[in-house]
Each structure stands twice: as C-alpha cells, then as structure tokens.
Amino acid sequence: LMTPSRQLLAVVLSTILVDPTTLVEAFGAIKTPVSTLLTQNADQIAQLKDVAKSVAPSDAPTDDVFYLRYVVEDYESDSDRTDALTSTMKWRIGEGKAICDAAKEAVEKASSGGAGTWDNEPVRAAAPFAESINQYITPSQIITTSTPKGDLVYCIRAGQIDDVSLMSKVTEDQMVDFFLYCKEVNAIVANTKSAECDNLLRVIIANDLAGIKLIGGDATFRKALSASSKKAAPMYPGSAGPSLLLNLPGLLGALVKLFTPLFPKKVQERIVFEQGPLANIGDLTDVLPGGSGRDKFMGYLDDLVYKEA
C-alpha cells in the first residue's frame, strides 16, 4: 500500500503532468499574431469546423480560436487531431452539455457590464452543485486572474479547502464536473481575449501547496482534481501554460523533485518549483487587479514564466 505522502505525491503529479503529447511547449508561447494564424490556417480551420458540425450540427462552436488551438497543438497526425476534436464534440453535446451551456451563459452575464468589466458572481452561481460547493470553495482558495501580458492564471490553494466537509456534501463525479466547468469558463475567456488582443493566450496554473495535508484529508477530493485534469487535457488543446508548484512542504517537495527527472523532458519543462510566491498573501483575492499582493505576484510570474519570452 502507498503511504499517505506518496498518495498525495501521485495526485499532485497526475494533476499537473498530463500526457505531454496534449500540451504546447511549456515556455514556447506562440508569438505570431492570432489574426495571422487564422489567415494562414483558414483551410484547416474550415475543415475542423466541418468535423465539429458533423458531430454537433447545432452546437458546434463558431469561435475560430477554438479550432485554431487544435491546429497549433502538436498531434502526431491530422487523423489524431480530427479524432481529438470529434471526441471533444461528443462530450460537449453529451455529458458535458450542461457544463458548456452554463459556462457560456455565465461568462456572458459576467462580462455584460462592458469592455474590461467582470462580475464573478454569475460564474460562481452557475457552477455545477454550486449550492453545496460554494460553501467550501471561495475566491480565497481558487481564483483566475490575468497577467499584464494577457495570459490567464488559475490559482488554487487546495490546502485551505475543508475537503472532508466538502466531500460529505458532493460525490467525486460532481466535484469533477465543477472543476471541468472552471476549465470551460477559463477556455471561453482565453479564446475571447486572444481574439481581442491578437495574441494566443495560455492558462498558467499556480498550485500553492502551502498547508497541504500529507496525512488525512479526503482522498476523493484529490482524486477529483486529478480526474478533471486528465479529462480536460485533450479537450482544451493548445492552451496549457506552465504549471507552478509553489511553497511545497519539505517532504512533498523532496518527493516531487525526486520523481520529476523520470518524466520526459517536455513534461519537465512545464513544471516550475518555487518557494515564496503567494506565501505571504493571506487571501487569493489580493492578487486580483487593485489587490495589495498583485504587483509582487506579477513580478514573480515575470521571473518564472516570462523570463525567456
């Protein structure tokens, strides 16, 4: 049997180290303008649209950036690309339809105040099983913000979530749906902003692991995190930025760093370890625009993510 620390290590790694063939290079942000990419790949995007419409005639996305991400993803063959899109579309009109519909409507409401405005309450309210989950997961523990360069940063503090109480209210599958909804919201926003700023934006994940439980906690919550990441990876191609592992406890940090060299180089390049970022920020909302910890956190991101940009 695995010890609790090794179980947690396995979940942490599987949450961030998804199949590398589904990822864009960690720091290899695409610098070609989106408008140019859309023109250069217009024929392939049209073909992918036809594929999507053949699966979902009335529900195929109309956003060209959605298809562009399939174009820029490093698939082994065009048939693999088509298969990935087909699988995604089947999910979007099947078990994922309610998630996608809710996310689309929530983003429209959140941004209805005009350019540059965002009201997060409609997004929280429309989340699957929000009545139960929102009692235990608040913007203090999970938030998404943008960097000055436009990329989204999804910040999570799993160690500050009362996962035992939370998982007494919902099932593992319900928790997976909640996290997939978060990913769909981020994808919609990233695609919209990519078109607006003419830059193909990524989603950076900042895992603040301070306070994470090496012993105890609810294993089904950790499994839900892992399962949602694995499920989402092939459905949101061309969008993954680096994964930041921040403020790891000593034992967990040692274990992660011990196993990391065993992974392929492309996966290793996607991980960043650092002590300090978010450590002295009491509430994640402090990294939102106007927050007291935003400038310092964005400075860390400049060093960790954009140092080679």
Protein backbone atom coordinates (compact mmCIF):
# COMPACT_ATOMS: atom_id res chain seq x y z
CA LEU A 1 0.00 0.00 0.00
CA MET A 2 1.15 3.54 -0.72
CA THR A 3 1.89 5.79 2.23
CA PRO A 4 -0.26 8.97 2.54
CA SER A 5 2.62 11.15 1.36
CA ARG A 6 3.17 9.01 -1.74
CA GLN A 7 -0.57 9.01 -2.45
CA LEU A 8 -0.58 12.80 -2.34
CA LEU A 9 2.55 12.92 -4.49
CA ALA A 10 0.86 10.73 -7.09
CA VAL A 11 -2.18 13.02 -7.17
CA VAL A 12 -0.07 16.20 -7.40
CA LEU A 13 1.96 14.78 -10.28
CA SER A 14 -1.03 13.36 -12.14
CA THR A 15 -2.87 16.66 -11.73
CA ILE A 16 -0.15 18.66 -13.46
CA LEU A 17 1.74 16.11 -15.52
CA VAL A 18 -0.87 15.10 -18.04
CA ASP A 19 0.11 13.35 -21.25
CA PRO A 20 2.78 15.60 -22.80
CA THR A 21 1.51 14.94 -26.32
CA THR A 22 -1.55 17.01 -25.46
CA LEU A 23 0.44 20.08 -24.44
CA VAL A 24 2.05 23.03 -26.11
CA GLU A 25 5.70 23.52 -25.08
CA ALA A 26 5.79 24.99 -21.61
CA PHE A 27 7.55 28.25 -22.34
CA GLY A 28 7.05 28.14 -26.10
CA ALA A 29 4.35 30.76 -26.28
CA ILE A 30 3.25 31.35 -29.87
CA LYS A 31 4.27 34.86 -30.83
CA THR A 32 2.62 35.01 -34.25
CA PRO A 33 -0.50 37.24 -34.07
CA VAL A 34 -3.79 35.39 -33.89
CA SER A 35 -5.07 37.25 -36.96
CA THR A 36 -2.11 35.94 -38.96
CA LEU A 37 -2.54 32.41 -37.65
CA LEU A 38 -6.21 32.43 -38.58
CA THR A 39 -5.40 33.56 -42.11
CA GLN A 40 -2.55 31.09 -42.54
CA ASN A 41 -4.65 28.17 -41.31
CA ALA A 42 -8.05 29.17 -42.70
CA ASP A 43 -8.47 26.00 -44.77
CA GLN A 44 -7.63 23.67 -41.89
CA ILE A 45 -9.90 25.60 -39.52
CA ALA A 46 -12.75 25.29 -42.06
CA GLN A 47 -12.15 21.54 -42.24
CA LEU A 48 -12.22 21.25 -38.46
CA LYS A 49 -15.45 23.24 -38.34
CA ASP A 50 -16.98 20.75 -40.74
CA VAL A 51 -15.87 17.91 -38.46
CA ALA A 52 -17.47 19.61 -35.46
CA LYS A 53 -20.70 20.28 -37.35
CA SER A 54 -20.88 16.65 -38.46
CA VAL A 55 -20.96 15.65 -34.78
CA ALA A 56 -22.96 18.56 -33.42
CA PRO A 57 -24.84 20.36 -36.22
CA SER A 58 -26.47 22.91 -33.90
CA ASP A 59 -23.87 23.09 -31.13
CA ALA A 60 -20.55 23.36 -32.95
CA PRO A 61 -18.54 26.36 -31.66
CA THR A 62 -18.38 29.29 -34.06
CA ASP A 63 -15.25 30.78 -32.46
CA ASP A 64 -12.31 30.35 -34.86
CA VAL A 65 -9.81 30.48 -31.98
CA PHE A 66 -11.41 27.33 -30.57
CA TYR A 67 -10.35 25.48 -33.74
CA LEU A 68 -7.03 27.30 -34.01
CA ARG A 69 -5.92 25.65 -30.78
CA TYR A 70 -6.38 22.24 -32.43
CA VAL A 71 -4.28 23.47 -35.35
CA VAL A 72 -1.34 24.62 -33.21
CA GLU A 73 -1.40 21.53 -30.98
CA ASP A 74 1.38 19.07 -31.76
CA TYR A 75 -0.57 15.98 -32.78
CA GLU A 76 1.22 13.06 -34.41
CA SER A 77 -1.13 13.16 -37.41
CA ASP A 78 -4.12 15.00 -38.82
CA SER A 79 -6.28 11.98 -38.04
CA ASP A 80 -5.28 12.26 -34.38
CA ARG A 81 -6.29 15.93 -34.48
CA THR A 82 -9.65 15.06 -36.02
CA ASP A 83 -10.21 12.26 -33.52
CA ALA A 84 -9.46 14.61 -30.62
CA LEU A 85 -11.95 17.18 -31.88
CA THR A 86 -14.58 14.52 -32.53
CA SER A 87 -14.19 13.17 -29.00
CA THR A 88 -14.43 16.66 -27.54
CA MET A 89 -17.58 17.45 -29.52
CA LYS A 90 -19.23 14.23 -28.36
CA TRP A 91 -18.56 15.28 -24.77
CA ARG A 92 -19.81 18.83 -25.40
CA ILE A 93 -23.18 17.65 -26.71
CA GLY A 94 -23.39 14.71 -24.30
CA GLU A 95 -22.37 14.55 -20.66
CA GLY A 96 -20.64 17.94 -20.88
CA LYS A 97 -23.51 19.88 -22.49
CA ALA A 98 -24.92 21.27 -19.26
CA ILE A 99 -21.42 22.35 -18.19
CA CYS A 100 -20.69 24.09 -21.51
CA ASP A 101 -24.08 25.78 -21.70
CA ALA A 102 -23.84 27.02 -18.11
CA ALA A 103 -20.30 28.33 -18.63
CA LYS A 104 -21.24 30.19 -21.81
CA GLU A 105 -24.23 31.88 -20.20
CA ALA A 106 -22.26 32.72 -17.04
CA VAL A 107 -19.43 34.35 -18.99
CA GLU A 108 -21.94 36.42 -20.96
CA LYS A 109 -23.51 37.67 -17.71
CA ALA A 110 -20.14 38.25 -16.04
CA SER A 111 -18.92 40.45 -18.89
CA SER A 112 -22.22 42.19 -19.65
CA GLY A 113 -21.11 45.41 -17.96
CA GLY A 114 -19.00 46.44 -20.92
CA ALA A 115 -15.41 46.18 -22.12
CA GLY A 116 -12.96 45.28 -19.39
CA THR A 117 -15.61 44.57 -16.76
CA TRP A 118 -16.14 41.29 -14.93
CA ASP A 119 -18.64 40.24 -12.27
CA ASN A 120 -17.63 36.85 -10.94
CA GLU A 121 -20.84 36.15 -9.05
CA PRO A 122 -22.77 34.82 -12.10
CA VAL A 123 -19.89 32.41 -12.73
CA ARG A 124 -19.93 31.13 -9.16
CA ALA A 125 -23.70 30.87 -9.08
CA ALA A 126 -23.90 28.85 -12.32
CA ALA A 127 -21.27 26.29 -11.32
CA PRO A 128 -22.42 22.68 -11.01
CA PHE A 129 -23.65 21.92 -7.50
CA ALA A 130 -22.83 25.50 -6.52
CA GLU A 131 -25.16 25.46 -3.52
CA SER A 132 -23.02 22.82 -1.83
CA ILE A 133 -19.55 23.52 -3.23
CA ASN A 134 -19.53 27.31 -2.87
CA GLN A 135 -19.80 26.92 0.89
CA TYR A 136 -16.30 25.43 0.92
CA ILE A 137 -14.60 26.83 -2.20
CA THR A 138 -14.48 30.61 -2.44
CA PRO A 139 -12.26 33.10 -4.31
CA SER A 140 -9.98 32.94 -1.27
CA GLN A 141 -8.97 29.42 -2.36
CA ILE A 142 -9.49 29.38 -6.14
CA ILE A 143 -9.36 32.38 -8.45
CA THR A 144 -8.41 33.21 -12.02
CA THR A 145 -6.75 36.45 -12.98
CA SER A 146 -4.79 37.80 -15.96
CA THR A 147 -1.15 38.72 -16.23
CA PRO A 148 -0.11 42.05 -17.80
CA LYS A 149 0.71 40.01 -20.92
CA GLY A 150 -2.85 38.70 -21.02
CA ASP A 151 -2.40 35.03 -20.08
CA LEU A 152 -4.82 33.65 -17.52
CA VAL A 153 -3.50 32.45 -14.16
CA TYR A 154 -5.62 29.85 -12.39
CA CYS A 155 -4.59 29.90 -8.72
CA ILE A 156 -5.60 27.17 -6.31
CA ARG A 157 -4.89 26.63 -2.62
CA ALA A 158 -6.06 23.07 -2.04
CA GLY A 159 -4.58 23.06 1.46
CA GLN A 160 -7.05 25.71 2.58
CA ILE A 161 -10.13 23.81 1.40
CA ASP A 162 -12.03 21.80 4.00
CA ASP A 163 -12.17 18.81 1.69
CA VAL A 164 -13.60 16.45 4.31
CA SER A 165 -16.67 18.60 4.88
CA LEU A 166 -16.95 19.42 1.19
CA MET A 167 -16.89 15.80 0.08
CA SER A 168 -19.56 14.94 2.63
CA LYS A 169 -21.90 17.09 0.50
CA VAL A 170 -20.94 16.04 -3.05
CA THR A 171 -19.66 13.00 -4.91
CA GLU A 172 -16.34 12.65 -6.71
CA ASP A 173 -18.10 12.86 -10.10
CA GLN A 174 -19.90 16.05 -9.06
CA MET A 175 -16.59 17.56 -7.99
CA VAL A 176 -15.07 16.62 -11.34
CA ASP A 177 -17.91 18.43 -13.12
CA PHE A 178 -17.25 21.52 -11.01
CA PHE A 179 -13.57 21.61 -12.00
CA LEU A 180 -14.41 20.97 -15.67
CA TYR A 181 -16.80 23.92 -15.53
CA CYS A 182 -13.95 26.09 -14.22
CA LYS A 183 -11.78 24.95 -17.12
CA GLU A 184 -14.54 25.67 -19.64
CA VAL A 185 -15.03 29.18 -18.26
CA ASN A 186 -11.28 29.80 -18.50
CA ALA A 187 -11.21 28.45 -22.05
CA ILE A 188 -14.03 30.75 -23.19
CA VAL A 189 -12.34 33.77 -21.64
CA ALA A 190 -8.91 32.85 -23.04
CA ASN A 191 -10.29 32.43 -26.55
CA THR A 192 -12.25 35.68 -26.43
CA LYS A 193 -9.29 37.64 -25.08
CA SER A 194 -6.95 36.01 -27.62
CA ALA A 195 -9.04 37.40 -30.46
CA GLU A 196 -9.28 40.81 -28.80
CA CYS A 197 -5.55 41.23 -28.11
CA ASP A 198 -4.39 39.31 -31.23
CA ASN A 199 -2.22 37.02 -29.11
CA LEU A 200 -2.86 33.33 -28.45
CA LEU A 201 -3.17 33.29 -24.68
CA ARG A 202 -2.42 30.39 -22.35
CA VAL A 203 -3.73 29.27 -18.98
CA ILE A 204 -1.00 29.14 -16.34
CA ILE A 205 -1.71 27.04 -13.27
CA ALA A 206 -0.37 28.22 -9.91
CA ASN A 207 -0.66 25.48 -7.28
CA ASP A 208 0.01 26.99 -3.86
CA LEU A 209 0.66 23.86 -1.83
CA ALA A 210 1.34 25.55 1.49
CA GLY A 211 -0.71 23.82 4.15
CA ILE A 212 -1.42 20.76 2.02
CA LYS A 213 -2.15 17.71 4.17
CA LEU A 214 0.35 14.87 3.87
CA ILE A 215 -1.80 12.78 6.18
CA GLY A 216 -5.57 12.97 6.40
CA GLY A 217 -7.92 14.97 4.26
CA ASP A 218 -10.32 13.43 1.78
CA ALA A 219 -8.81 11.22 -0.90
CA THR A 220 -11.85 11.59 -3.17
CA PHE A 221 -11.25 15.34 -3.43
CA ARG A 222 -7.68 14.75 -4.58
CA LYS A 223 -8.93 12.11 -7.00
CA ALA A 224 -11.44 14.61 -8.41
CA LEU A 225 -8.66 17.14 -9.01
CA SER A 226 -6.62 14.51 -10.81
CA ALA A 227 -9.52 13.10 -12.82
CA SER A 228 -10.67 16.52 -14.01
CA SER A 229 -7.16 17.43 -15.16
CA LYS A 230 -6.76 14.20 -17.10
CA LYS A 231 -10.20 14.56 -18.67
CA ALA A 232 -9.71 18.20 -19.60
CA ALA A 233 -6.25 17.90 -21.14
CA PRO A 234 -7.31 16.53 -24.55
CA MET A 235 -10.42 18.73 -24.63
CA TYR A 236 -8.54 22.03 -24.34
CA PRO A 237 -5.52 21.69 -26.63
CA GLY A 238 -3.10 24.47 -27.37
CA SER A 239 -3.87 26.34 -24.17
CA ALA A 240 -1.71 24.88 -21.40
CA GLY A 241 0.93 27.15 -19.98
CA PRO A 242 3.44 26.26 -17.27
CA SER A 243 2.34 24.63 -14.02
CA LEU A 244 3.82 26.36 -10.99
CA LEU A 245 4.30 24.28 -7.85
CA LEU A 246 4.60 26.84 -5.12
CA ASN A 247 5.55 26.55 -1.47
CA LEU A 248 5.73 22.76 -1.28
CA PRO A 249 6.10 21.30 2.22
CA GLY A 250 9.59 19.91 2.74
CA LEU A 251 8.78 16.19 2.44
CA LEU A 252 6.44 16.59 -0.52
CA GLY A 253 8.91 18.88 -2.27
CA ALA A 254 11.68 16.33 -1.87
CA LEU A 255 9.49 13.53 -3.24
CA VAL A 256 8.28 15.55 -6.24
CA LYS A 257 11.80 16.63 -7.18
CA LEU A 258 13.00 13.04 -6.80
CA PHE A 259 10.46 11.72 -9.30
CA THR A 260 10.43 14.64 -11.75
CA PRO A 261 13.64 13.64 -13.62
CA LEU A 262 11.95 10.36 -14.54
CA PHE A 263 9.42 12.17 -16.74
CA PRO A 264 10.05 13.14 -20.39
CA LYS A 265 11.94 16.37 -20.96
CA LYS A 266 8.90 18.10 -22.43
CA VAL A 267 6.97 17.41 -19.23
CA GLN A 268 9.85 18.54 -17.04
CA GLU A 269 9.98 21.84 -18.92
CA ARG A 270 6.37 22.52 -17.99
CA ILE A 271 6.96 22.44 -14.22
CA VAL A 272 8.31 25.29 -12.14
CA PHE A 273 9.17 24.88 -8.46
CA GLU A 274 9.41 27.97 -6.29
CA GLN A 275 9.17 28.98 -2.65
CA GLY A 276 7.77 32.41 -1.97
CA PRO A 277 5.07 33.37 -4.49
CA LEU A 278 1.70 33.66 -2.70
CA ALA A 279 3.36 32.65 0.59
CA ASN A 280 2.70 35.98 2.31
CA ILE A 281 -0.64 36.65 0.64
CA GLY A 282 -3.43 35.92 3.07
CA ASP A 283 -6.25 35.84 0.55
CA LEU A 284 -6.01 34.96 -3.14
CA THR A 285 -8.30 37.86 -3.99
CA ASP A 286 -5.33 40.07 -3.11
CA VAL A 287 -3.73 39.15 -6.46
CA LEU A 288 -6.70 40.46 -8.43
CA PRO A 289 -6.42 43.93 -10.04
CA GLY A 290 -6.16 46.51 -7.28
CA GLY A 291 -5.19 43.90 -4.68
CA SER A 292 -2.36 44.51 -2.23
CA GLY A 293 -0.40 41.45 -3.34
CA ARG A 294 -0.87 41.74 -7.10
CA ASP A 295 2.29 43.63 -8.05
CA LYS A 296 4.54 41.26 -6.12
CA PHE A 297 2.87 38.16 -7.54
CA MET A 298 3.03 39.50 -11.10
CA GLY A 299 6.72 40.22 -10.51
CA TYR A 300 7.24 36.59 -9.58
CA LEU A 301 5.41 35.49 -12.74
CA ASP A 302 7.64 37.73 -14.87
CA ASP A 303 10.66 35.88 -13.48
CA LEU A 304 9.19 32.37 -13.51
CA VAL A 305 7.14 32.35 -16.72
CA TYR A 306 8.25 35.20 -18.96
CA LYS A 307 11.97 35.32 -18.28
CA GLU A 308 12.66 33.79 -21.72
CA ALA A 309 9.76 35.45 -23.52
